[in-house]
C-alpha atoms as a PDB file:
ATOM      1  CA  MET A   1      29.880 -16.270 -10.304  1.00  0.00           C
ATOM      2  CA  PHE A   2      26.197 -16.854  -9.539  1.00  0.00           C
ATOM      3  CA  LYS A   3      23.569 -14.195 -10.003  1.00  0.00           C
ATOM      4  CA  TRP A   4      20.988 -14.815  -7.267  1.00  0.00           C
ATOM      5  CA  ILE A   5      17.369 -14.618  -8.355  1.00  0.00           C
ATOM      6  CA  ASP A   6      14.767 -12.871  -6.236  1.00  0.00           C
ATOM      7  CA  GLY A   7      11.921 -15.038  -5.013  1.00  0.00           C
ATOM      8  CA  ASN A   8       8.313 -14.060  -4.430  1.00  0.00           C
ATOM      9  CA  VAL A   9       7.781 -15.730  -1.044  1.00  0.00           C
ATOM     10  CA  ASN A  10       7.246 -12.298   0.575  1.00  0.00           C
ATOM     11  CA  THR A  11       5.493 -10.693  -2.387  1.00  0.00           C
ATOM     12  CA  LEU A  12       1.714 -10.322  -2.520  1.00  0.00           C
ATOM     13  CA  ILE A  13       0.635 -11.508  -5.972  1.00  0.00           C
ATOM     14  CA  ALA A  14      -2.827 -11.844  -7.494  1.00  0.00           C
ATOM     15  CA  THR A  15      -3.623 -13.617 -10.743  1.00  0.00           C
ATOM     16  CA  ILE A  16      -6.831 -12.536 -12.441  1.00  0.00           C
ATOM     17  CA  ASN A  17      -8.510 -14.161 -15.402  1.00  0.00           C
ATOM     18  CA  GLU A  18     -12.021 -14.083 -16.801  1.00  0.00           C
ATOM     19  CA  ASN A  19     -13.249 -16.666 -14.260  1.00  0.00           C
ATOM     20  CA  SER A  20     -11.373 -16.113 -10.997  1.00  0.00           C
ATOM     21  CA  ILE A  21      -9.016 -14.157  -8.799  1.00  0.00           C
ATOM     22  CA  THR A  22      -6.234 -16.254  -7.268  1.00  0.00           C
ATOM     23  CA  LEU A  23      -3.988 -15.019  -4.464  1.00  0.00           C
ATOM     24  CA  ASN A  24      -0.567 -16.466  -3.752  1.00  0.00           C
ATOM     25  CA  GLN A  25       0.280 -17.816  -0.300  1.00  0.00           C
ATOM     26  CA  LYS A  26       1.469 -14.483   1.117  1.00  0.00           C
ATOM     27  CA  ALA A  27      -1.616 -12.587  -0.112  1.00  0.00           C
ATOM     28  CA  ALA A  28      -3.889 -15.441   0.997  1.00  0.00           C
ATOM     29  CA  SER A  29      -2.514 -15.213   4.539  1.00  0.00           C
ATOM     30  CA  TYR A  30      -4.717 -12.144   5.137  1.00  0.00           C
ATOM     31  CA  PHE A  31      -7.819 -14.258   4.462  1.00  0.00           C
ATOM     32  CA  GLU A  32      -6.990 -17.418   6.450  1.00  0.00           C
ATOM     33  CA  ASN A  33     -10.115 -17.420   8.627  1.00  0.00           C
ATOM     34  CA  THR A  34     -12.405 -15.876   6.036  1.00  0.00           C
ATOM     35  CA  ARG A  35     -15.263 -17.477   4.140  1.00  0.00           C
ATOM     36  CA  PHE A  36     -16.582 -14.380   2.402  1.00  0.00           C
ATOM     37  CA  VAL A  37     -15.118 -11.189   0.972  1.00  0.00           C
ATOM     38  CA  THR A  38     -16.337  -8.019  -0.652  1.00  0.00           C
ATOM     39  CA  VAL A  39     -14.701  -6.780  -3.831  1.00  0.00           C
ATOM     40  CA  GLY A  40     -14.393  -3.156  -4.892  1.00  0.00           C
ATOM     41  CA  ILE A  41     -12.946  -1.451  -7.936  1.00  0.00           C
ATOM     42  CA  ASP A  42     -11.438   1.953  -8.607  1.00  0.00           C
ATOM     43  CA  PRO A  43     -11.821   2.357 -12.392  1.00  0.00           C
ATOM     44  CA  ASP A  44      -9.817   5.598 -12.546  1.00  0.00           C
ATOM     45  CA  ARG A  45      -6.715   4.083 -10.951  1.00  0.00           C
ATOM     46  CA  ARG A  46      -7.321   0.495 -12.204  1.00  0.00           C
ATOM     47  CA  LEU A  47      -7.317  -0.993  -8.716  1.00  0.00           C
ATOM     48  CA  VAL A  48      -9.250  -3.937  -7.302  1.00  0.00           C
ATOM     49  CA  ALA A  49      -9.720  -4.272  -3.538  1.00  0.00           C
ATOM     50  CA  ILE A  50     -10.613  -7.439  -1.650  1.00  0.00           C
ATOM     51  CA  HIS A  51     -11.947  -6.987   1.872  1.00  0.00           C
ATOM     52  CA  PRO A  52     -12.322  -9.937   4.265  1.00  0.00           C
ATOM     53  CA  VAL A  53     -15.784 -10.175   5.813  1.00  0.00           C
ATOM     54  CA  THR A  54     -15.836 -11.249   9.443  1.00  0.00           C
ATOM     55  CA  LYS A  55     -18.490 -13.314  11.178  1.00  0.00           C
ATOM     56  CA  GLU A  56     -19.429 -10.155  13.113  1.00  0.00           C
ATOM     57  CA  ASP A  57     -19.868  -8.245   9.823  1.00  0.00           C
ATOM     58  CA  ILE A  58     -22.359 -10.886   8.703  1.00  0.00           C
ATOM     59  CA  GLU A  59     -24.181 -10.975  12.061  1.00  0.00           C
ATOM     60  CA  HIS A  60     -24.548  -7.169  12.037  1.00  0.00           C
ATOM     61  CA  SER A  61     -25.529  -7.044   8.339  1.00  0.00           C
ATOM     62  CA  VAL A  62     -22.644  -4.686   7.522  1.00  0.00           C
ATOM     63  CA  PHE A  63     -22.795  -5.912   3.912  1.00  0.00           C
ATOM     64  CA  THR A  64     -25.774  -7.018   1.864  1.00  0.00           C
ATOM     65  CA  PRO A  65     -25.856 -10.658   0.735  1.00  0.00           C
ATOM     66  CA  GLN A  66     -25.401  -9.406  -2.850  1.00  0.00           C
ATOM     67  CA  GLN A  67     -22.035  -7.872  -1.890  1.00  0.00           C
ATOM     68  CA  LEU A  68     -20.580 -11.113  -0.543  1.00  0.00           C
ATOM     69  CA  HIS A  69     -18.304 -13.345  -2.592  1.00  0.00           C
ATOM     70  CA  LYS A  70     -17.135 -16.782  -1.464  1.00  0.00           C
ATOM     71  CA  ILE A  71     -13.398 -17.230  -1.080  1.00  0.00           C
ATOM     72  CA  HIS A  72     -11.816 -20.682  -1.084  1.00  0.00           C
ATOM     73  CA  ILE A  73      -8.672 -21.073   0.989  1.00  0.00           C
ATOM     74  CA  GLY A  74      -6.438 -23.828  -0.327  1.00  0.00           C
ATOM     75  CA  ASN A  75      -3.016 -25.063   0.652  1.00  0.00           C
ATOM     76  CA  GLY A  76      -0.847 -22.068  -0.259  1.00  0.00           C
ATOM     77  CA  TYR A  77      -3.425 -19.979  -2.104  1.00  0.00           C
ATOM     78  CA  ALA A  78      -6.868 -18.378  -1.954  1.00  0.00           C
ATOM     79  CA  LYS A  79      -9.334 -18.194  -4.814  1.00  0.00           C
ATOM     80  CA  ILE A  80     -12.520 -16.318  -5.640  1.00  0.00           C
ATOM     81  CA  THR A  81     -14.195 -18.180  -8.495  1.00  0.00           C
ATOM     82  CA  ASN A  82     -16.926 -15.994  -9.941  1.00  0.00           C
ATOM     83  CA  LYS A  83     -17.156 -15.479 -13.697  1.00  0.00           C
ATOM     84  CA  SER A  84     -19.770 -12.716 -13.495  1.00  0.00           C
ATOM     85  CA  LEU A  85     -17.638 -10.786 -10.961  1.00  0.00           C
ATOM     86  CA  CYS A  86     -14.571 -11.031 -13.190  1.00  0.00           C
ATOM     87  CA  GLN A  87     -16.563  -9.977 -16.252  1.00  0.00           C
ATOM     88  CA  LEU A  88     -17.940  -6.984 -14.324  1.00  0.00           C
ATOM     89  CA  ILE A  89     -14.406  -5.973 -13.294  1.00  0.00           C
ATOM     90  CA  GLN A  90     -13.245  -6.399 -16.877  1.00  0.00           C
ATOM     91  CA  ASN A  91     -16.113  -4.267 -18.225  1.00  0.00           C
ATOM     92  CA  GLN A  92     -15.861  -1.546 -15.575  1.00  0.00           C
ATOM     93  CA  LEU A  93     -12.115  -1.179 -16.005  1.00  0.00           C
ATOM     94  CA  GLU A  94     -12.212  -1.706 -19.781  1.00  0.00           C
ATOM     95  CA  TYR A  95      -9.301  -4.077 -19.347  1.00  0.00           C
ATOM     96  CA  LYS A  96      -8.905  -7.680 -20.510  1.00  0.00           C
ATOM     97  CA  LEU A  97      -8.285 -10.097 -17.655  1.00  0.00           C
ATOM     98  CA  ASP A  98      -6.194 -12.841 -19.211  1.00  0.00           C
ATOM     99  CA  GLY A  99      -4.448 -14.597 -16.354  1.00  0.00           C
ATOM    100  CA  ASN A 100      -1.652 -12.116 -15.751  1.00  0.00           C
ATOM    101  CA  LYS A 101      -0.092 -11.717 -12.339  1.00  0.00           C
ATOM    102  CA  TYR A 102      -0.202  -8.384 -10.502  1.00  0.00           C
ATOM    103  CA  ASN A 103       1.603  -7.009  -7.497  1.00  0.00           C
ATOM    104  CA  SER A 104      -0.645  -6.235  -4.574  1.00  0.00           C
ATOM    105  CA  GLU A 105      -0.381  -4.684  -1.150  1.00  0.00           C
ATOM    106  CA  TYR A 106      -2.376  -4.986   2.034  1.00  0.00           C
ATOM    107  CA  ASP A 107      -3.833  -1.742   3.370  1.00  0.00           C
ATOM    108  CA  GLU A 108      -3.562  -2.198   7.152  1.00  0.00           C
ATOM    109  CA  LYS A 109      -5.645   0.892   7.916  1.00  0.00           C
ATOM    110  CA  ASN A 110      -8.653  -0.168   5.829  1.00  0.00           C
ATOM    111  CA  LYS A 111      -8.045  -3.929   6.128  1.00  0.00           C
ATOM    112  CA  TYR A 112      -8.151  -4.857   2.459  1.00  0.00           C
ATOM    113  CA  LEU A 113      -5.862  -6.188  -0.228  1.00  0.00           C
ATOM    114  CA  VAL A 114      -5.321  -3.828  -3.160  1.00  0.00           C
ATOM    115  CA  ILE A 115      -4.489  -5.377  -6.539  1.00  0.00           C
ATOM    116  CA  ASP A 116      -2.809  -2.869  -8.850  1.00  0.00           C
ATOM    117  CA  LEU A 117      -3.596  -3.708 -12.471  1.00  0.00           C
ATOM    118  CA  ASN A 118      -0.961  -1.134 -13.485  1.00  0.00           C
ATOM    119  CA  ASP A 119       1.782  -3.170 -11.790  1.00  0.00           C
ATOM    120  CA  GLU A 120       2.008  -6.466 -13.669  1.00  0.00           C
ATOM    121  CA  VAL A 121       4.590  -8.997 -12.515  1.00  0.00           C
ATOM    122  CA  ARG A 122       7.076  -9.285 -15.339  1.00  0.00           C
ATOM    123  CA  LYS A 123       8.866 -12.508 -16.075  1.00  0.00           C
ATOM    124  CA  GLU A 124      12.635 -12.229 -16.355  1.00  0.00           C
ATOM    125  CA  VAL A 125      13.865 -13.259 -19.790  1.00  0.00           C
END
């Protein structure tokens, strides 16, 4: 008898290493028409939030230019490549970012993706 394996097509997953944050296709879908994002951290709960910045946000100077990070939308993924940002996250959270995958969820109320560094995606053995 077959044991069916769960897929991750509907799971929001973020991979973080010392140079970039990569979102899988499902997580990237929240950033489809986005060129810039803001990134926040909650050191006490070890959470990273990514907030899409709209054209209106930029026109109304809702965020300072220093708060904006470029996001690249590829075919099936999104990526924020910024070594200094990743090093800052690593230092603030006192946690080594080594390319592990983490479960995430989209906060509809606040309109941002929350990456939970306490909830690593485990590979089945």
